[in-house]
Amino acid sequence: MEKDIAAFTKDTIQLLQDLIRIPSPSGSEHGTADLLRKFLEDNYIHVEQKHNNILVKNNNFNSNKPTIL
């Protein structure tokens, strides 16, 4: 189910506010990683998580081309 731009904007602002509220000193970002993963999954975006790192690939991703992180 697709959201309209206004709903997505509202949800994104809420996500940013929630991320700011979560303490996340270096090495202890699990709370922010979990919140971000849930947000992406709730919006039907495939996510890979390695420790506190969230990995998302564009649908046009090609492993044979250079990658910029």
PDB file of N, CA and C in Angstrom:
ATOM      1  N   MET A   1       0.849  -1.185   0.000  1.00  0.00           N
ATOM      2  CA  MET A   1       0.000   0.000   0.000  1.00  0.00           C
ATOM      3  C   MET A   1       0.890   1.243   0.000  1.00  0.00           C
ATOM      4  N   GLU A   2       0.733   2.095  -0.976  1.00  0.00           N
ATOM      5  CA  GLU A   2       1.547   3.294  -1.082  1.00  0.00           C
ATOM      6  C   GLU A   2       0.925   4.433  -0.272  1.00  0.00           C
ATOM      7  N   LYS A   3       1.811   5.237   0.285  1.00  0.00           N
ATOM      8  CA  LYS A   3       1.357   6.410   1.019  1.00  0.00           C
ATOM      9  C   LYS A   3       1.452   7.626   0.116  1.00  0.00           C
ATOM     10  N   ASP A   4       0.603   8.597   0.369  1.00  0.00           N
ATOM     11  CA  ASP A   4       0.765   9.837  -0.372  1.00  0.00           C
ATOM     12  C   ASP A   4       1.914  10.624   0.255  1.00  0.00           C
ATOM     13  N   ILE A   5       2.371  11.624  -0.443  1.00  0.00           N
ATOM     14  CA  ILE A   5       3.559  12.374  -0.018  1.00  0.00           C
ATOM     15  C   ILE A   5       3.352  13.053   1.337  1.00  0.00           C
ATOM     16  N   ALA A   6       2.164  13.534   1.620  1.00  0.00           N
ATOM     17  CA  ALA A   6       1.904  14.203   2.900  1.00  0.00           C
ATOM     18  C   ALA A   6       2.021  13.215   4.054  1.00  0.00           C
ATOM     19  N   ALA A   7       1.473  12.019   3.884  1.00  0.00           N
ATOM     20  CA  ALA A   7       1.552  11.006   4.945  1.00  0.00           C
ATOM     21  C   ALA A   7       2.991  10.541   5.137  1.00  0.00           C
ATOM     22  N   PHE A   8       3.704  10.345   4.030  1.00  0.00           N
ATOM     23  CA  PHE A   8       5.096   9.915   4.138  1.00  0.00           C
ATOM     24  C   PHE A   8       5.941  10.995   4.803  1.00  0.00           C
ATOM     25  N   THR A   9       5.696  12.256   4.461  1.00  0.00           N
ATOM     26  CA  THR A   9       6.424  13.366   5.084  1.00  0.00           C
ATOM     27  C   THR A   9       6.160  13.403   6.581  1.00  0.00           C
ATOM     28  N   LYS A  10       4.906  13.258   6.980  1.00  0.00           N
ATOM     29  CA  LYS A  10       4.546  13.254   8.405  1.00  0.00           C
ATOM     30  C   LYS A  10       5.253  12.111   9.138  1.00  0.00           C
ATOM     31  N   ASP A  11       5.217  10.917   8.548  1.00  0.00           N
ATOM     32  CA  ASP A  11       5.860   9.752   9.168  1.00  0.00           C
ATOM     33  C   ASP A  11       7.375   9.928   9.261  1.00  0.00           C
ATOM     34  N   THR A  12       7.956  10.534   8.238  1.00  0.00           N
ATOM     35  CA  THR A  12       9.402  10.745   8.223  1.00  0.00           C
ATOM     36  C   THR A  12       9.816  11.755   9.282  1.00  0.00           C
ATOM     37  N   ILE A  13       9.063  12.808   9.445  1.00  0.00           N
ATOM     38  CA  ILE A  13       9.351  13.799  10.500  1.00  0.00           C
ATOM     39  C   ILE A  13       9.234  13.139  11.868  1.00  0.00           C
ATOM     40  N   GLN A  14       8.210  12.306  12.061  1.00  0.00           N
ATOM     41  CA  GLN A  14       8.054  11.591  13.330  1.00  0.00           C
ATOM     42  C   GLN A  14       9.244  10.675  13.579  1.00  0.00           C
ATOM     43  N   LEU A  15       9.693   9.982  12.532  1.00  0.00           N
ATOM     44  CA  LEU A  15      10.871   9.115  12.664  1.00  0.00           C
ATOM     45  C   LEU A  15      12.082   9.923  13.112  1.00  0.00           C
ATOM     46  N   LEU A  16      12.325  11.053  12.489  1.00  0.00           N
ATOM     47  CA  LEU A  16      13.477  11.873  12.859  1.00  0.00           C
ATOM     48  C   LEU A  16      13.380  12.355  14.307  1.00  0.00           C
ATOM     49  N   GLN A  17      12.198  12.764  14.720  1.00  0.00           N
ATOM     50  CA  GLN A  17      12.015  13.192  16.109  1.00  0.00           C
ATOM     51  C   GLN A  17      12.278  12.033  17.073  1.00  0.00           C
ATOM     52  N   ASP A  18      11.788  10.843  16.728  1.00  0.00           N
ATOM     53  CA  ASP A  18      12.012   9.665  17.573  1.00  0.00           C
ATOM     54  C   ASP A  18      13.495   9.300  17.637  1.00  0.00           C
ATOM     55  N   LEU A  19      14.180   9.386  16.496  1.00  0.00           N
ATOM     56  CA  LEU A  19      15.615   9.075  16.470  1.00  0.00           C
ATOM     57  C   LEU A  19      16.402  10.039  17.351  1.00  0.00           C
ATOM     58  N   ILE A  20      16.030  11.304  17.311  1.00  0.00           N
ATOM     59  CA  ILE A  20      16.724  12.312  18.127  1.00  0.00           C
ATOM     60  C   ILE A  20      16.531  12.034  19.613  1.00  0.00           C
ATOM     61  N   ARG A  21      15.390  11.511  20.005  1.00  0.00           N
ATOM     62  CA  ARG A  21      15.091  11.243  21.418  1.00  0.00           C
ATOM     63  C   ARG A  21      15.858  10.047  21.984  1.00  0.00           C
ATOM     64  N   ILE A  22      16.324   9.144  21.126  1.00  0.00           N
ATOM     65  CA  ILE A  22      16.968   7.917  21.603  1.00  0.00           C
ATOM     66  C   ILE A  22      18.455   8.171  21.837  1.00  0.00           C
ATOM     67  N   PRO A  23      18.933   7.980  23.062  1.00  0.00           N
ATOM     68  CA  PRO A  23      20.379   8.108  23.297  1.00  0.00           C
ATOM     69  C   PRO A  23      21.126   7.067  22.442  1.00  0.00           C
ATOM     70  N   SER A  24      22.167   7.513  21.760  1.00  0.00           N
ATOM     71  CA  SER A  24      22.894   6.582  20.889  1.00  0.00           C
ATOM     72  C   SER A  24      24.376   6.916  20.806  1.00  0.00           C
ATOM     73  N   PRO A  25      25.064   6.849  21.956  1.00  0.00           N
ATOM     74  CA  PRO A  25      26.514   7.081  21.900  1.00  0.00           C
ATOM     75  C   PRO A  25      27.191   6.006  21.051  1.00  0.00           C
ATOM     76  N   SER A  26      28.361   6.316  20.557  1.00  0.00           N
ATOM     77  CA  SER A  26      29.101   5.395  19.687  1.00  0.00           C
ATOM     78  C   SER A  26      29.183   4.008  20.302  1.00  0.00           C
ATOM     79  N   GLY A  27      28.804   2.999  19.522  1.00  0.00           N
ATOM     80  CA  GLY A  27      28.829   1.621  19.985  1.00  0.00           C
ATOM     81  C   GLY A  27      27.536   1.166  20.640  1.00  0.00           C
ATOM     82  N   SER A  28      26.633   2.105  20.886  1.00  0.00           N
ATOM     83  CA  SER A  28      25.362   1.774  21.540  1.00  0.00           C
ATOM     84  C   SER A  28      24.176   2.286  20.735  1.00  0.00           C
ATOM     85  N   GLU A  29      24.231   2.055  19.437  1.00  0.00           N
ATOM     86  CA  GLU A  29      23.189   2.576  18.556  1.00  0.00           C
ATOM     87  C   GLU A  29      22.063   1.582  18.302  1.00  0.00           C
ATOM     88  N   HIS A  30      21.968   0.513  19.115  1.00  0.00           N
ATOM     89  CA  HIS A  30      20.965  -0.523  18.853  1.00  0.00           C
ATOM     90  C   HIS A  30      19.536   0.021  18.847  1.00  0.00           C
ATOM     91  N   GLY A  31      19.224   0.954  19.704  1.00  0.00           N
ATOM     92  CA  GLY A  31      17.873   1.508  19.755  1.00  0.00           C
ATOM     93  C   GLY A  31      17.512   2.255  18.478  1.00  0.00           C
ATOM     94  N   THR A  32      18.438   3.071  17.980  1.00  0.00           N
ATOM     95  CA  THR A  32      18.173   3.801  16.748  1.00  0.00           C
ATOM     96  C   THR A  32      18.144   2.847  15.550  1.00  0.00           C
ATOM     97  N   ALA A  33      19.022   1.846  15.544  1.00  0.00           N
ATOM     98  CA  ALA A  33      19.039   0.873  14.452  1.00  0.00           C
ATOM     99  C   ALA A  33      17.723   0.101  14.400  1.00  0.00           C
ATOM    100  N   ASP A  34      17.227  -0.308  15.552  1.00  0.00           N
ATOM    101  CA  ASP A  34      15.967  -1.057  15.601  1.00  0.00           C
ATOM    102  C   ASP A  34      14.794  -0.203  15.114  1.00  0.00           C
ATOM    103  N   LEU A  35      14.771   1.053  15.538  1.00  0.00           N
ATOM    104  CA  LEU A  35      13.693   1.955  15.129  1.00  0.00           C
ATOM    105  C   LEU A  35      13.738   2.192  13.619  1.00  0.00           C
ATOM    106  N   LEU A  36      14.918   2.433  13.080  1.00  0.00           N
ATOM    107  CA  LEU A  36      15.058   2.679  11.652  1.00  0.00           C
ATOM    108  C   LEU A  36      14.682   1.441  10.843  1.00  0.00           C
ATOM    109  N   ARG A  37      15.127   0.264  11.293  1.00  0.00           N
ATOM    110  CA  ARG A  37      14.776  -0.981  10.601  1.00  0.00           C
ATOM    111  C   ARG A  37      13.263  -1.163  10.570  1.00  0.00           C
ATOM    112  N   LYS A  38      12.605  -0.951  11.704  1.00  0.00           N
ATOM    113  CA  LYS A  38      11.148  -1.109  11.761  1.00  0.00           C
ATOM    114  C   LYS A  38      10.445  -0.126  10.823  1.00  0.00           C
ATOM    115  N   PHE A  39      10.898   1.116  10.804  1.00  0.00           N
ATOM    116  CA  PHE A  39      10.300   2.119   9.918  1.00  0.00           C
ATOM    117  C   PHE A  39      10.405   1.685   8.459  1.00  0.00           C
ATOM    118  N   LEU A  40      11.579   1.242   8.062  1.00  0.00           N
ATOM    119  CA  LEU A  40      11.787   0.828   6.675  1.00  0.00           C
ATOM    120  C   LEU A  40      10.947  -0.400   6.330  1.00  0.00           C
ATOM    121  N   GLU A  41      10.948  -1.388   7.207  1.00  0.00           N
ATOM    122  CA  GLU A  41      10.156  -2.595   6.961  1.00  0.00           C
ATOM    123  C   GLU A  41       8.662  -2.280   6.907  1.00  0.00           C
ATOM    124  N   ASP A  42       8.204  -1.383   7.779  1.00  0.00           N
ATOM    125  CA  ASP A  42       6.792  -0.979   7.767  1.00  0.00           C
ATOM    126  C   ASP A  42       6.414  -0.292   6.453  1.00  0.00           C
ATOM    127  N   ASN A  43       7.429   0.247   5.757  1.00  0.00           N
ATOM    128  CA  ASN A  43       7.205   0.906   4.471  1.00  0.00           C
ATOM    129  C   ASN A  43       7.629   0.018   3.305  1.00  0.00           C
ATOM    130  N   TYR A  44       7.668  -1.289   3.570  1.00  0.00           N
ATOM    131  CA  TYR A  44       7.920  -2.314   2.545  1.00  0.00           C
ATOM    132  C   TYR A  44       9.278  -2.163   1.855  1.00  0.00           C
ATOM    133  N   ILE A  45      10.271  -1.763   2.634  1.00  0.00           N
ATOM    134  CA  ILE A  45      11.635  -1.640   2.112  1.00  0.00           C
ATOM    135  C   ILE A  45      12.460  -2.767   2.716  1.00  0.00           C
ATOM    136  N   HIS A  46      13.082  -3.567   1.845  1.00  0.00           N
ATOM    137  CA  HIS A  46      13.903  -4.688   2.313  1.00  0.00           C
ATOM    138  C   HIS A  46      15.140  -4.151   3.025  1.00  0.00           C
ATOM    139  N   VAL A  47      15.414  -4.695   4.196  1.00  0.00           N
ATOM    140  CA  VAL A  47      16.506  -4.233   5.042  1.00  0.00           C
ATOM    141  C   VAL A  47      17.381  -5.409   5.445  1.00  0.00           C
ATOM    142  N   GLU A  48      18.678  -5.163   5.466  1.00  0.00           N
ATOM    143  CA  GLU A  48      19.616  -6.104   6.081  1.00  0.00           C
ATOM    144  C   GLU A  48      20.224  -5.377   7.267  1.00  0.00           C
ATOM    145  N   GLN A  49      20.381  -6.092   8.372  1.00  0.00           N
ATOM    146  CA  GLN A  49      20.989  -5.467   9.545  1.00  0.00           C
ATOM    147  C   GLN A  49      22.181  -6.292   9.977  1.00  0.00           C
ATOM    148  N   LYS A  50      23.319  -5.623  10.126  1.00  0.00           N
ATOM    149  CA  LYS A  50      24.534  -6.241  10.651  1.00  0.00           C
ATOM    150  C   LYS A  50      24.943  -5.425  11.867  1.00  0.00           C
ATOM    151  N   HIS A  51      24.729  -6.019  13.025  1.00  0.00           N
ATOM    152  CA  HIS A  51      24.938  -5.325  14.301  1.00  0.00           C
ATOM    153  C   HIS A  51      24.047  -4.089  14.315  1.00  0.00           C
ATOM    154  N   ASN A  52      24.623  -2.904  14.461  1.00  0.00           N
ATOM    155  CA  ASN A  52      23.819  -1.682  14.496  1.00  0.00           C
ATOM    156  C   ASN A  52      23.801  -0.968  13.152  1.00  0.00           C
ATOM    157  N   ASN A  53      24.224  -1.647  12.096  1.00  0.00           N
ATOM    158  CA  ASN A  53      24.255  -1.054  10.760  1.00  0.00           C
ATOM    159  C   ASN A  53      23.049  -1.528   9.958  1.00  0.00           C
ATOM    160  N   ILE A  54      22.368  -0.582   9.330  1.00  0.00           N
ATOM    161  CA  ILE A  54      21.209  -0.869   8.500  1.00  0.00           C
ATOM    162  C   ILE A  54      21.642  -0.735   7.046  1.00  0.00           C
ATOM    163  N   LEU A  55      21.407  -1.788   6.270  1.00  0.00           N
ATOM    164  CA  LEU A  55      21.791  -1.799   4.863  1.00  0.00           C
ATOM    165  C   LEU A  55      20.543  -1.872   3.998  1.00  0.00           C
ATOM    166  N   VAL A  56      20.424  -0.944   3.059  1.00  0.00           N
ATOM    167  CA  VAL A  56      19.307  -0.900   2.137  1.00  0.00           C
ATOM    168  C   VAL A  56      19.883  -0.692   0.745  1.00  0.00           C
ATOM    169  N   LYS A  57      19.430  -1.503  -0.209  1.00  0.00           N
ATOM    170  CA  LYS A  57      19.920  -1.384  -1.579  1.00  0.00           C
ATOM    171  C   LYS A  57      18.816  -0.848  -2.478  1.00  0.00           C
ATOM    172  N   ASN A  58      19.197   0.033  -3.373  1.00  0.00           N
ATOM    173  CA  ASN A  58      18.296   0.545  -4.391  1.00  0.00           C
ATOM    174  C   ASN A  58      17.887  -0.592  -5.314  1.00  0.00           C
ATOM    175  N   ASN A  59      16.695  -0.542  -5.854  1.00  0.00           N
ATOM    176  CA  ASN A  59      16.228  -1.582  -6.768  1.00  0.00           C
ATOM    177  C   ASN A  59      17.123  -1.723  -7.990  1.00  0.00           C
ATOM    178  N   ASN A  60      17.859  -0.676  -8.332  1.00  0.00           N
ATOM    179  CA  ASN A  60      18.747  -0.702  -9.491  1.00  0.00           C
ATOM    180  C   ASN A  60      20.180  -1.063  -9.112  1.00  0.00           C
ATOM    181  N   PHE A  61      20.396  -1.520  -7.888  1.00  0.00           N
ATOM    182  CA  PHE A  61      21.744  -1.864  -7.431  1.00  0.00           C
ATOM    183  C   PHE A  61      22.361  -2.922  -8.347  1.00  0.00           C
ATOM    184  N   ASN A  62      23.626  -2.708  -8.677  1.00  0.00           N
ATOM    185  CA  ASN A  62      24.369  -3.649  -9.515  1.00  0.00           C
ATOM    186  C   ASN A  62      25.730  -3.833  -8.869  1.00  0.00           C
ATOM    187  N   SER A  63      26.005  -5.014  -8.379  1.00  0.00           N
ATOM    188  CA  SER A  63      27.267  -5.284  -7.676  1.00  0.00           C
ATOM    189  C   SER A  63      28.480  -5.188  -8.594  1.00  0.00           C
ATOM    190  N   ASN A  64      28.256  -5.119  -9.896  1.00  0.00           N
ATOM    191  CA  ASN A  64      29.366  -4.982 -10.842  1.00  0.00           C
ATOM    192  C   ASN A  64      29.784  -3.526 -11.047  1.00  0.00           C
ATOM    193  N   LYS A  65      29.014  -2.615 -10.498  1.00  0.00           N
ATOM    194  CA  LYS A  65      29.332  -1.192 -10.607  1.00  0.00           C
ATOM    195  C   LYS A  65      29.915  -0.702  -9.284  1.00  0.00           C
ATOM    196  N   PRO A  66      30.668   0.410  -9.320  1.00  0.00           N
ATOM    197  CA  PRO A  66      31.228   0.966  -8.083  1.00  0.00           C
ATOM    198  C   PRO A  66      30.119   1.345  -7.093  1.00  0.00           C
ATOM    199  N   THR A  67      30.427   1.220  -5.821  1.00  0.00           N
ATOM    200  CA  THR A  67      29.473   1.567  -4.773  1.00  0.00           C
ATOM    201  C   THR A  67      30.029   2.711  -3.931  1.00  0.00           C
ATOM    202  N   ILE A  68      29.200   3.686  -3.656  1.00  0.00           N
ATOM    203  CA  ILE A  68      29.573   4.815  -2.805  1.00  0.00           C
ATOM    204  C   ILE A  68      28.774   4.688  -1.519  1.00  0.00           C
ATOM    205  N   LEU A  69      29.452   4.736  -0.384  1.00  0.00           N
ATOM    206  CA  LEU A  69      28.766   4.662   0.912  1.00  0.00           C
ATOM    207  C   LEU A  69      28.805   6.000   1.589  1.00  0.00           C
TER     208      LEU A  69
END
